[in-house]
Structures are given as C-alpha cells and as structure tokens.
Amino acid sequence: MDARSIILRLRDKQALTPAEIRWFANGLADGNVSDAQAGAFAMATCLNGLGDAGRVALTEAMRDSGDVMKWDLPGPVVDKHSTGGVGDCVSLILAPALAACGAYVPMISGRGLGHTGGTLDKLEAIPGVNTEVSEERFRHMVGALGCAIVSATGDMAPADKRLYAVRDVTSTVESIDLITASILSKKLAAGLETLVLDVKCGSGAFMGNPADASELARALVGTAKGAGCATLALVTDMNSPLAPAAGNALEVRECLRVLEGRREGVLLQLTAALGGALLVAAKLASDEAKGRSMIRAAIASGQAREAFAKMIAALGGPNDVSEACLPEAPVVLEVCAQETGFIATMDVRALGEIVVHLGGGRLYGGQKLDMAVGLSELGRVGDRVESGAPLAMIHAADEAAAERAAAAVRKAITVANAAVDVAPLVLETIE
C-alpha cells in the first residue's frame, strides 16, 4: 500500500477501503505521506468525496492516529461543539451547567478562527488562566470538578493537524468530508459517549444558507454515530450575534451575568436548548423540556456559577472570579442609531472582523491578543431602536481604532422603518 495508489483510486472516483484510509492517516501522522501527497488527497476528496463509509473511516483513522482518552467516571461523558459564530460563548456557561446536572465534560476547545472567537482565548481573558494543562491534570479536573475546558493535550489526532494545515493552503477547507473528519476526530479522541453539535447558519457563520448547514449537520451526526458516539445537532441562526457582546473579556462578562442570573436572552435560551438535548441523549433527562429545566435550574441555583469558579481557579485564575477581574479597554465609544426603526440586517461576519481588527483576533499566527477590546450593547435583527440610542459600544485601545470600528459598525447594521421577519433561534434538529 502506498500514497500514490490511494490518491490515484480517489482521483478516479473509486471508493477507498478502511484499510487504505487508515494507512494514509497513519502516514500523515508519522510523516510517510508528504505535504504534496496530503494536498492531492485533500483535493481529490474535495472534488469526488469519500462517501458515508469513507467519511467514517477517515474520522476513526485520524482519531486513532494519536492518543485516545478513556474514562471511568460515575456519570456520562459528554461534550458540545459549535461550528463557530460571533458572540458565541455558550461553552463557558454550558460546561459547568452540565457538570451541575451530573455529567462529566472533558471539553477540548480551540482558539479564534477567522472572524469567529475562540473559547480558549475567551477563558484566557481572565487573568492567570492557562488552558494548556497536562493530561493528568485534565483528568483530575474532570473527575473532581465535573468539567474542564482546555486545549488539546498530548498527541491527539496528529493526522488531522497535518491535513488541516495543508487544507488551509490548498483551497480545500470547504469539503464536507474533511470538515466532518477534522471536527470529530479531535472530539472523539477525548473519549466522549455523547455529543451535541451547534451548526451555525447565517451571515456570521461559515455556512451561510440553511441547506448547506443542514448538509453539514447530517454529515456530522451520521459520521459520529458511525464512529460509535451518540450525537445530535441543532442548526441555529447566526444572522445576529448570539451574545450582546463580541470580544474576549466582554463575552466572559456576559457569561458571568448569565451564570449569576442577571441576564436573560438568546444566549441563555440556546445554552438551555443545547444542554437539554444533550441531557436527554445522555439519559439524564426524560425529555427536552425537563433537560432545559435542569440546565436553567443549575444556573438559577448558583451551582453552575460555583462549578465555573472552581474550574477557573483550577486553571490558575482567581479564586473569586468576577467582572472586576476582567481587563477594560481605555477607550469606549458609543455608536448611535441615526433614525428610529427596526434592525433589518446585520453583517455579523463584518462585526466579527471589526473585533479582529481592534486586536481581539489574530491577523497572523502568534499574534498577541488584546483581551479587552470588542463590541458591546449589540442588538439583534428585529429589535426596535430609537434615534440617538446606541447600536453598539466600541471598546478600543485608542481613539483612532475606535473611530475606524465605529464607521465599520454603521456599515454592518441597517435600520428600516418597518418591522422585519425574524428567524427562529433553532432552525432544525437532526438526530
């Protein structure tokens, strides 16, 4: 078996065997497959597809190319993954809420990608927090606290790391097969029993229309189940920012307000929907209404807030994490509506890019982030606004950056005289 023959078969639209796919994944991990061959494999997959069985085989092969965790805990091992959006800080609320409900959450997360924020970056906006921990420490945190949100530990899914880097420079990122295998190989290497997926759809998502988002969700659910993990997906709206803030410390502030019972809204609504569905799948709730109620009760009782605080302390953060711990930008500028009406459209991707260019995301590898910058007081499509009322608050490092961001916000948000139809938050559930 060799890389050339495997690529040739894929190029000629012949189905690969699981053994061939496993050989190729191992070659990615140990270096026996060159970058050129990895690029050719990615392009052939992008053009011709792997089929359902091939997608499962690639996911399992990349999962098994490195360390795969196994757990012996007195409750179900669960996790949640989002395909990425703006103001999406659900994980910081959901992981401790699930722990308070009796689940164990070994959440291996990532950093910001493009216009979307990263869960690890948001956590590290809290002074002292370090999400890079040893596998031993990770295991201890999950067992003792019920949840831990960390970066990948040890040698997890090394085949995916190779293939992901090649895809980024060969215009093969959009392949459903490769997206699916990449997401799931890392998640399943964490030893999950049950997974819920939040597949975003809209102007702030990588999948802009419902048909594409549904296709990805079905591929993810089918593949994860094929690899032995009970999985379901919610396709959710990303034509408005999920939280009323975008930016690392600003989103942590919103999470604390939710955890302390001081903020209602769609962020809490989606957290309860995802958590409720996951609790049913993990057999901790009898139905989704009960599951949603359990998540809300964990927050209302303060148990989720307590679990979050313990996790932050275990990651090196303050013992009494609060809004007062978070960094604040030196310049805050209000962007006001110029007319009374309703928010008709929001270019959510553009709003995410504003945060990136303020310094809250990366324009190049290794860039140090400004954790304090971003946008706050953001509304949603359909909200009524009064002339002179704020459309957004800019948090910036200096006046010039704030003025540039303000001009970009005005372009990204349009206000109309008449009310507009608003899409439901959850567009589809796929099991």
Protein backbone atom coordinates (compact mmCIF):
# COMPACT_ATOMS: atom_id res chain seq x y z
CA MET A 1 0.00 0.00 0.00
CA ASP A 2 1.34 3.46 -0.85
CA ALA A 3 0.17 7.07 -1.05
CA ARG A 4 0.32 7.28 -4.86
CA SER A 5 -2.02 4.35 -5.43
CA ILE A 6 -4.50 5.60 -2.82
CA ILE A 7 -4.57 9.07 -4.37
CA LEU A 8 -4.99 7.54 -7.84
CA ARG A 9 -8.00 5.49 -6.76
CA LEU A 10 -9.59 8.53 -5.11
CA ARG A 11 -8.87 10.68 -8.16
CA ASP A 12 -10.58 8.10 -10.36
CA LYS A 13 -13.66 8.10 -8.10
CA GLN A 14 -13.07 4.61 -6.69
CA ALA A 15 -14.16 4.01 -3.09
CA LEU A 16 -11.25 3.61 -0.70
CA THR A 17 -11.21 0.76 1.79
CA PRO A 18 -11.00 1.49 5.53
CA ALA A 19 -7.51 -0.07 5.48
CA GLU A 20 -6.35 2.35 2.77
CA ILE A 21 -7.73 5.33 4.63
CA ARG A 22 -6.15 4.15 7.88
CA TRP A 23 -2.79 3.73 6.13
CA PHE A 24 -3.00 7.26 4.74
CA ALA A 25 -3.95 8.77 8.12
CA ASN A 26 -1.05 7.00 9.82
CA GLY A 27 1.21 8.30 7.06
CA LEU A 28 0.05 11.83 7.78
CA ALA A 29 0.85 11.34 11.45
CA ASP A 30 4.28 9.74 11.06
CA GLY A 31 5.50 11.71 8.03
CA ASN A 32 5.40 8.91 5.46
CA VAL A 33 2.91 10.99 3.45
CA SER A 34 4.40 14.19 2.01
CA ASP A 35 2.70 17.59 2.02
CA ALA A 36 2.24 17.29 -1.75
CA GLN A 37 0.50 13.93 -1.34
CA ALA A 38 -1.64 15.28 1.51
CA GLY A 39 -2.68 18.17 -0.73
CA ALA A 40 -3.53 15.83 -3.59
CA PHE A 41 -5.60 13.65 -1.24
CA ALA A 42 -7.44 16.71 0.08
CA MET A 43 -8.20 18.00 -3.43
CA ALA A 44 -9.38 14.59 -4.67
CA THR A 45 -11.62 14.29 -1.61
CA CYS A 46 -12.95 17.82 -2.15
CA LEU A 47 -13.80 17.07 -5.78
CA ASN A 48 -15.02 13.47 -5.57
CA GLY A 49 -16.00 12.85 -1.95
CA LEU A 50 -15.38 9.82 0.23
CA GLY A 51 -18.95 8.59 0.68
CA ASP A 52 -20.57 7.92 4.03
CA ALA A 53 -18.45 4.87 4.87
CA GLY A 54 -15.25 6.60 3.80
CA ARG A 55 -16.06 9.64 5.92
CA VAL A 56 -16.50 7.42 8.99
CA ALA A 57 -13.28 5.57 8.20
CA LEU A 58 -11.29 8.81 7.86
CA THR A 59 -12.71 10.15 11.12
CA GLU A 60 -11.84 6.96 13.01
CA ALA A 61 -8.40 6.75 11.41
CA MET A 62 -7.50 10.33 12.31
CA ARG A 63 -8.91 9.86 15.82
CA ASP A 64 -6.76 6.76 16.27
CA SER A 65 -3.60 8.34 14.81
CA GLY A 66 -2.68 9.59 18.30
CA ASP A 67 -3.81 9.39 21.90
CA VAL A 68 -7.44 8.44 22.60
CA MET A 69 -8.68 9.08 26.12
CA LYS A 70 -10.78 6.61 28.08
CA TRP A 71 -12.78 7.42 31.18
CA ASP A 72 -14.10 5.55 34.21
CA LEU A 73 -16.47 8.01 35.83
CA PRO A 74 -19.80 7.67 37.70
CA GLY A 75 -21.74 9.62 35.08
CA PRO A 76 -21.96 10.13 31.32
CA VAL A 77 -19.03 11.75 29.48
CA VAL A 78 -20.44 14.43 27.20
CA ASP A 79 -19.45 17.47 25.17
CA LYS A 80 -20.71 20.20 22.85
CA HIS A 81 -19.16 21.65 19.71
CA SER A 82 -20.07 24.76 17.74
CA THR A 83 -19.03 25.36 14.14
CA GLY A 84 -18.27 28.96 15.06
CA GLY A 85 -20.03 32.30 15.22
CA VAL A 86 -19.83 35.79 16.70
CA GLY A 87 -20.65 36.29 20.37
CA ASP A 88 -20.90 32.53 20.79
CA CYS A 89 -19.72 31.92 24.35
CA VAL A 90 -22.18 29.11 25.17
CA SER A 91 -19.42 26.68 26.17
CA LEU A 92 -18.38 28.78 29.17
CA ILE A 93 -21.91 28.54 30.56
CA LEU A 94 -22.92 25.09 29.36
CA ALA A 95 -19.93 23.06 30.58
CA PRO A 96 -20.37 24.00 34.27
CA ALA A 97 -24.17 23.75 33.99
CA LEU A 98 -23.87 20.20 32.64
CA ALA A 99 -21.44 19.33 35.45
CA ALA A 100 -24.01 20.60 37.95
CA CYS A 101 -26.53 18.22 36.35
CA GLY A 102 -24.34 15.14 36.88
CA ALA A 103 -22.50 14.94 33.56
CA TYR A 104 -18.72 14.98 33.04
CA VAL A 105 -17.45 17.39 30.40
CA PRO A 106 -13.89 16.98 29.05
CA MET A 107 -14.14 19.93 26.64
CA ILE A 108 -11.16 20.25 24.32
CA SER A 109 -11.55 23.62 22.62
CA GLY A 110 -9.78 25.83 20.13
CA ARG A 111 -8.71 29.39 19.52
CA GLY A 112 -10.26 32.02 17.27
CA LEU A 113 -10.56 31.15 13.58
CA GLY A 114 -11.10 33.93 11.06
CA HIS A 115 -13.93 36.19 12.20
CA THR A 116 -15.09 33.82 14.96
CA GLY A 117 -13.89 33.93 18.54
CA GLY A 118 -12.16 31.02 20.29
CA THR A 119 -13.27 29.52 23.59
CA LEU A 120 -9.68 29.24 24.86
CA ASP A 121 -8.97 32.89 24.06
CA LYS A 122 -12.08 33.93 25.98
CA LEU A 123 -11.08 31.91 29.04
CA GLU A 124 -7.56 33.35 28.95
CA ALA A 125 -9.03 36.86 29.14
CA ILE A 126 -9.39 36.02 32.83
CA PRO A 127 -6.05 36.92 34.47
CA GLY A 128 -3.93 33.90 35.38
CA VAL A 129 -5.90 31.32 33.40
CA ASN A 130 -3.77 28.84 31.46
CA THR A 131 -5.69 26.33 29.34
CA GLU A 132 -2.63 24.25 28.45
CA VAL A 133 -2.59 21.52 31.07
CA SER A 134 -1.16 18.02 31.26
CA GLU A 135 -3.36 15.02 30.58
CA GLU A 136 -3.03 14.07 34.26
CA ARG A 137 -4.25 17.50 35.34
CA PHE A 138 -7.06 17.40 32.78
CA ARG A 139 -8.25 14.03 34.08
CA HIS A 140 -8.14 15.24 37.67
CA MET A 141 -10.16 18.36 36.88
CA VAL A 142 -12.88 16.46 35.01
CA GLY A 143 -13.17 13.84 37.75
CA ALA A 144 -13.12 16.29 40.65
CA LEU A 145 -14.99 19.27 39.21
CA GLY A 146 -17.16 17.68 36.52
CA CYS A 147 -15.81 19.87 33.73
CA ALA A 148 -12.63 21.26 32.24
CA ILE A 149 -12.18 23.43 29.16
CA VAL A 150 -8.62 23.04 27.86
CA SER A 151 -6.51 22.93 24.73
CA ALA A 152 -5.65 19.59 23.17
CA THR A 153 -3.44 17.53 25.45
CA GLY A 154 -0.63 15.21 24.41
CA ASP A 155 -0.63 13.82 20.90
CA MET A 156 -4.30 13.93 19.96
CA ALA A 157 -5.33 13.45 16.31
CA PRO A 158 -1.92 14.35 14.78
CA ALA A 159 -3.15 13.26 11.33
CA ASP A 160 -5.76 15.99 11.48
CA LYS A 161 -3.15 18.61 12.40
CA ARG A 162 -1.18 17.75 9.24
CA LEU A 163 -4.19 17.62 6.96
CA TYR A 164 -5.74 20.78 8.42
CA ALA A 165 -2.60 22.81 7.71
CA VAL A 166 -2.49 21.53 4.12
CA ARG A 167 -6.19 22.25 3.53
CA ASP A 168 -5.71 25.86 4.58
CA VAL A 169 -3.26 26.50 1.70
CA THR A 170 -4.84 24.29 -1.00
CA SER A 171 -8.39 25.71 -1.15
CA THR A 172 -9.92 22.52 0.23
CA VAL A 173 -11.28 23.86 3.54
CA GLU A 174 -14.92 23.70 2.37
CA SER A 175 -15.07 19.92 1.83
CA ILE A 176 -17.90 18.45 3.95
CA ASP A 177 -15.96 15.19 4.29
CA LEU A 178 -12.80 16.92 5.51
CA ILE A 179 -14.65 19.35 7.80
CA THR A 180 -16.53 16.45 9.38
CA ALA A 181 -13.47 14.28 9.93
CA SER A 182 -11.48 17.20 11.30
CA ILE A 183 -14.09 18.25 13.87
CA LEU A 184 -14.98 14.76 15.01
CA SER A 185 -11.52 13.19 15.12
CA LYS A 186 -10.47 15.67 17.80
CA LYS A 187 -13.73 15.47 19.75
CA LEU A 188 -13.87 11.66 19.70
CA ALA A 189 -10.22 11.43 20.78
CA ALA A 190 -11.44 12.92 24.07
CA GLY A 191 -13.34 9.68 24.76
CA LEU A 192 -16.88 11.05 24.55
CA GLU A 193 -20.03 8.98 24.96
CA THR A 194 -22.46 11.69 23.85
CA LEU A 195 -22.04 14.85 21.77
CA VAL A 196 -24.31 17.75 20.80
CA LEU A 197 -23.40 19.92 17.83
CA ASP A 198 -24.36 23.54 17.25
CA VAL A 199 -24.16 24.09 13.48
CA LYS A 200 -24.39 27.80 12.78
CA CYS A 201 -26.20 29.22 9.76
CA GLY A 202 -26.29 32.82 8.54
CA SER A 203 -24.21 35.91 7.88
CA GLY A 204 -21.88 35.25 10.79
CA ALA A 205 -21.39 31.53 10.11
CA PHE A 206 -19.10 29.55 7.84
CA MET A 207 -22.28 28.01 6.38
CA GLY A 208 -24.34 30.90 5.03
CA ASN A 209 -27.56 29.16 3.99
CA PRO A 210 -29.80 26.58 5.69
CA ALA A 211 -29.30 23.88 3.04
CA ASP A 212 -25.51 23.87 3.47
CA ALA A 213 -25.78 23.97 7.26
CA SER A 214 -28.25 21.07 7.24
CA GLU A 215 -25.97 19.05 4.95
CA LEU A 216 -23.03 19.58 7.30
CA ALA A 217 -25.12 18.76 10.37
CA ARG A 218 -26.35 15.50 8.84
CA ALA A 219 -22.82 14.53 7.84
CA LEU A 220 -21.53 15.23 11.35
CA VAL A 221 -24.32 13.33 13.10
CA GLY A 222 -24.17 10.33 10.76
CA THR A 223 -20.40 10.10 10.96
CA ALA A 224 -20.21 10.46 14.73
CA LYS A 225 -22.83 7.77 15.18
CA GLY A 226 -20.96 5.58 12.72
CA ALA A 227 -17.88 6.00 14.88
CA GLY A 228 -19.80 4.94 17.99
CA CYS A 229 -20.71 8.25 19.64
CA ALA A 230 -24.36 9.14 20.33
CA THR A 231 -24.78 12.52 18.63
CA LEU A 232 -27.40 15.06 17.65
CA ALA A 233 -27.18 18.51 16.06
CA LEU A 234 -29.09 21.77 16.28
CA VAL A 235 -28.90 24.07 13.26
CA THR A 236 -29.06 27.57 14.74
CA ASP A 237 -29.40 31.12 13.47
CA MET A 238 -26.28 33.30 13.18
CA ASN A 239 -27.77 36.32 11.43
CA SER A 240 -27.35 38.19 14.73
CA PRO A 241 -24.55 37.90 17.30
CA LEU A 242 -25.51 35.33 19.91
CA ALA A 243 -24.44 37.42 22.90
CA PRO A 244 -24.89 41.20 23.10
CA ALA A 245 -21.09 41.43 23.06
CA ALA A 246 -18.21 40.25 20.87
CA GLY A 247 -14.67 40.23 22.20
CA ASN A 248 -12.88 38.04 24.71
CA ALA A 249 -13.27 39.78 28.09
CA LEU A 250 -16.62 41.29 27.04
CA GLU A 251 -18.05 37.84 26.31
CA VAL A 252 -16.75 36.46 29.61
CA ARG A 253 -18.58 39.34 31.30
CA GLU A 254 -21.81 38.30 29.58
CA CYS A 255 -21.31 34.70 30.68
CA LEU A 256 -20.86 35.77 34.29
CA ARG A 257 -24.08 37.78 34.07
CA VAL A 258 -25.94 34.71 32.79
CA LEU A 259 -24.39 32.44 35.42
CA GLU A 260 -25.33 34.91 38.14
CA GLY A 261 -28.94 35.15 36.92
CA ARG A 262 -28.56 38.77 35.80
CA ARG A 263 -29.00 38.27 32.05
CA GLU A 264 -31.81 36.63 30.14
CA GLY A 265 -31.93 36.42 26.33
CA VAL A 266 -30.93 34.18 23.47
CA LEU A 267 -27.55 33.22 24.96
CA LEU A 268 -29.31 31.56 27.89
CA GLN A 269 -32.03 30.22 25.60
CA LEU A 270 -29.55 28.43 23.33
CA THR A 271 -27.50 27.17 26.27
CA ALA A 272 -30.64 25.57 27.70
CA ALA A 273 -31.66 24.13 24.32
CA LEU A 274 -28.28 22.53 23.65
CA GLY A 275 -27.89 21.34 27.23
CA GLY A 276 -31.43 19.99 27.40
CA ALA A 277 -30.99 17.97 24.23
CA LEU A 278 -27.67 16.62 25.47
CA LEU A 279 -29.07 15.60 28.86
CA VAL A 280 -31.80 13.60 27.10
CA ALA A 281 -29.26 11.89 24.83
CA ALA A 282 -27.10 11.09 27.87
CA LYS A 283 -30.17 9.69 29.69
CA LEU A 284 -30.02 12.25 32.49
CA ALA A 285 -33.37 13.79 31.50
CA SER A 286 -36.62 12.18 30.35
CA ASP A 287 -37.39 14.75 27.66
CA GLU A 288 -36.03 18.03 26.29
CA ALA A 289 -38.37 20.21 28.36
CA LYS A 290 -37.06 18.51 31.50
CA GLY A 291 -33.49 18.85 30.24
CA ARG A 292 -33.88 22.57 29.58
CA SER A 293 -35.42 22.99 33.00
CA MET A 294 -32.45 21.20 34.60
CA ILE A 295 -29.95 23.49 32.88
CA ARG A 296 -31.88 26.60 33.93
CA ALA A 297 -32.19 25.27 37.49
CA ALA A 298 -28.44 24.63 37.67
CA ILE A 299 -27.89 28.27 36.73
CA ALA A 300 -30.65 29.70 38.95
CA SER A 301 -29.39 27.78 42.00
CA GLY A 302 -25.84 29.08 41.61
CA GLN A 303 -24.42 25.58 41.16
CA ALA A 304 -23.24 26.27 37.61
CA ARG A 305 -21.61 29.54 38.75
CA GLU A 306 -19.81 27.63 41.51
CA ALA A 307 -18.58 24.96 39.07
CA PHE A 308 -17.33 27.67 36.72
CA ALA A 309 -15.47 29.43 39.53
CA LYS A 310 -13.79 26.18 40.64
CA MET A 311 -12.71 25.44 37.06
CA ILE A 312 -11.24 28.94 36.66
CA ALA A 313 -9.30 28.59 39.92
CA ALA A 314 -8.01 25.16 38.86
CA LEU A 315 -6.75 26.71 35.60
CA GLY A 316 -4.74 29.31 37.54
CA GLY A 317 -7.31 32.09 37.63
CA PRO A 318 -8.61 33.98 40.66
CA ASN A 319 -10.48 32.11 43.38
CA ASP A 320 -13.26 34.69 43.28
CA VAL A 321 -13.65 35.32 39.54
CA SER A 322 -15.91 38.27 38.83
CA GLU A 323 -16.41 41.08 36.33
CA ALA A 324 -13.97 43.17 38.36
CA CYS A 325 -11.16 40.78 37.40
CA LEU A 326 -11.56 41.41 33.68
CA PRO A 327 -9.45 43.87 31.68
CA GLU A 328 -11.11 47.01 30.36
CA ALA A 329 -10.25 48.95 27.22
CA PRO A 330 -9.03 52.56 27.71
CA VAL A 331 -11.38 53.95 25.04
CA VAL A 332 -15.15 53.30 24.91
CA LEU A 333 -17.12 54.92 22.09
CA GLU A 334 -20.88 54.84 21.58
CA VAL A 335 -22.26 54.27 18.06
CA CYS A 336 -25.81 55.63 17.91
CA ALA A 337 -28.71 54.93 15.58
CA GLN A 338 -29.40 57.82 13.22
CA GLU A 339 -33.10 57.03 12.91
CA THR A 340 -35.89 55.28 14.79
CA GLY A 341 -36.89 51.89 13.41
CA PHE A 342 -36.01 48.22 13.49
CA ILE A 343 -32.68 46.47 12.95
CA ALA A 344 -33.26 45.00 9.48
CA THR A 345 -29.92 43.34 8.73
CA MET A 346 -26.63 42.70 10.46
CA ASP A 347 -23.47 41.68 8.64
CA VAL A 348 -22.34 39.50 11.52
CA ARG A 349 -19.15 38.38 9.79
CA ALA A 350 -18.21 42.07 9.42
CA LEU A 351 -18.88 42.61 13.14
CA GLY A 352 -16.55 39.71 13.91
CA GLU A 353 -13.89 41.22 11.64
CA ILE A 354 -14.20 44.53 13.49
CA VAL A 355 -13.24 42.74 16.70
CA VAL A 356 -10.30 41.07 14.93
CA HIS A 357 -9.02 44.41 13.59
CA LEU A 358 -9.39 46.03 17.01
CA GLY A 359 -6.86 43.42 18.18
CA GLY A 360 -9.27 40.89 19.66
CA GLY A 361 -8.49 38.25 17.00
CA ARG A 362 -5.47 37.16 15.01
CA LEU A 363 -4.44 38.62 11.65
CA TYR A 364 -1.27 36.48 11.68
CA GLY A 365 -0.02 33.43 13.53
CA GLY A 366 1.30 34.04 17.02
CA GLN A 367 -0.32 37.48 17.36
CA LYS A 368 -0.85 38.53 20.98
CA LEU A 369 -4.49 39.41 21.56
CA ASP A 370 -5.87 42.49 23.27
CA MET A 371 -8.37 40.77 25.54
CA ALA A 372 -10.23 43.98 26.46
CA VAL A 373 -11.31 45.19 23.02
CA GLY A 374 -14.53 44.42 21.15
CA LEU A 375 -18.17 45.40 20.88
CA SER A 376 -20.90 45.51 23.49
CA GLU A 377 -24.57 46.51 23.75
CA LEU A 378 -25.26 44.77 20.44
CA GLY A 379 -28.85 44.14 19.45
CA ARG A 380 -30.40 41.54 17.19
CA VAL A 381 -32.24 41.59 13.89
CA GLY A 382 -35.81 42.67 14.60
CA ASP A 383 -35.00 44.81 17.64
CA ARG A 384 -36.57 48.26 17.76
CA VAL A 385 -34.10 51.12 18.15
CA GLU A 386 -34.64 54.81 18.86
CA SER A 387 -32.79 57.59 17.10
CA GLY A 388 -29.78 58.51 19.24
CA ALA A 389 -29.84 55.21 21.14
CA PRO A 390 -26.72 53.00 20.97
CA LEU A 391 -26.35 50.39 18.23
CA ALA A 392 -23.07 49.29 19.79
CA MET A 393 -20.35 50.35 22.18
CA ILE A 394 -16.79 50.19 20.82
CA HIS A 395 -14.06 49.10 23.24
CA ALA A 396 -10.69 50.02 21.74
CA ALA A 397 -7.03 50.60 22.54
CA ASP A 398 -7.04 54.15 21.15
CA GLU A 399 -9.32 56.81 19.65
CA ALA A 400 -8.29 56.17 16.03
CA ALA A 401 -9.08 52.45 16.27
CA ALA A 402 -12.42 53.27 17.89
CA GLU A 403 -13.39 55.68 15.09
CA ARG A 404 -12.49 53.12 12.40
CA ALA A 405 -14.54 50.48 14.19
CA ALA A 406 -17.49 52.86 14.57
CA ALA A 407 -17.56 53.53 10.82
CA ALA A 408 -17.49 49.79 10.14
CA VAL A 409 -20.34 49.15 12.61
CA ARG A 410 -22.52 51.72 10.82
CA LYS A 411 -21.97 49.84 7.56
CA ALA A 412 -22.68 46.45 9.14
CA ILE A 413 -26.04 47.30 10.75
CA THR A 414 -29.02 48.64 8.82
CA VAL A 415 -32.19 50.11 10.32
CA ALA A 416 -35.55 50.10 8.50
CA ASN A 417 -38.88 51.77 9.22
CA ALA A 418 -40.95 48.58 9.17
CA ALA A 419 -40.62 45.51 11.38
CA VAL A 420 -38.86 42.54 9.79
CA ASP A 421 -39.42 38.81 9.98
CA VAL A 422 -37.06 37.15 12.44
CA ALA A 423 -35.81 33.58 12.01
CA PRO A 424 -36.24 31.21 14.95
CA LEU A 425 -33.11 30.62 17.01
CA VAL A 426 -33.19 26.84 16.39
CA LEU A 427 -33.85 26.16 12.72
CA GLU A 428 -33.65 22.37 12.74
CA THR A 429 -32.83 19.43 14.99
CA ILE A 430 -31.06 16.43 13.47
CA GLU A 431 -30.79 13.16 15.34
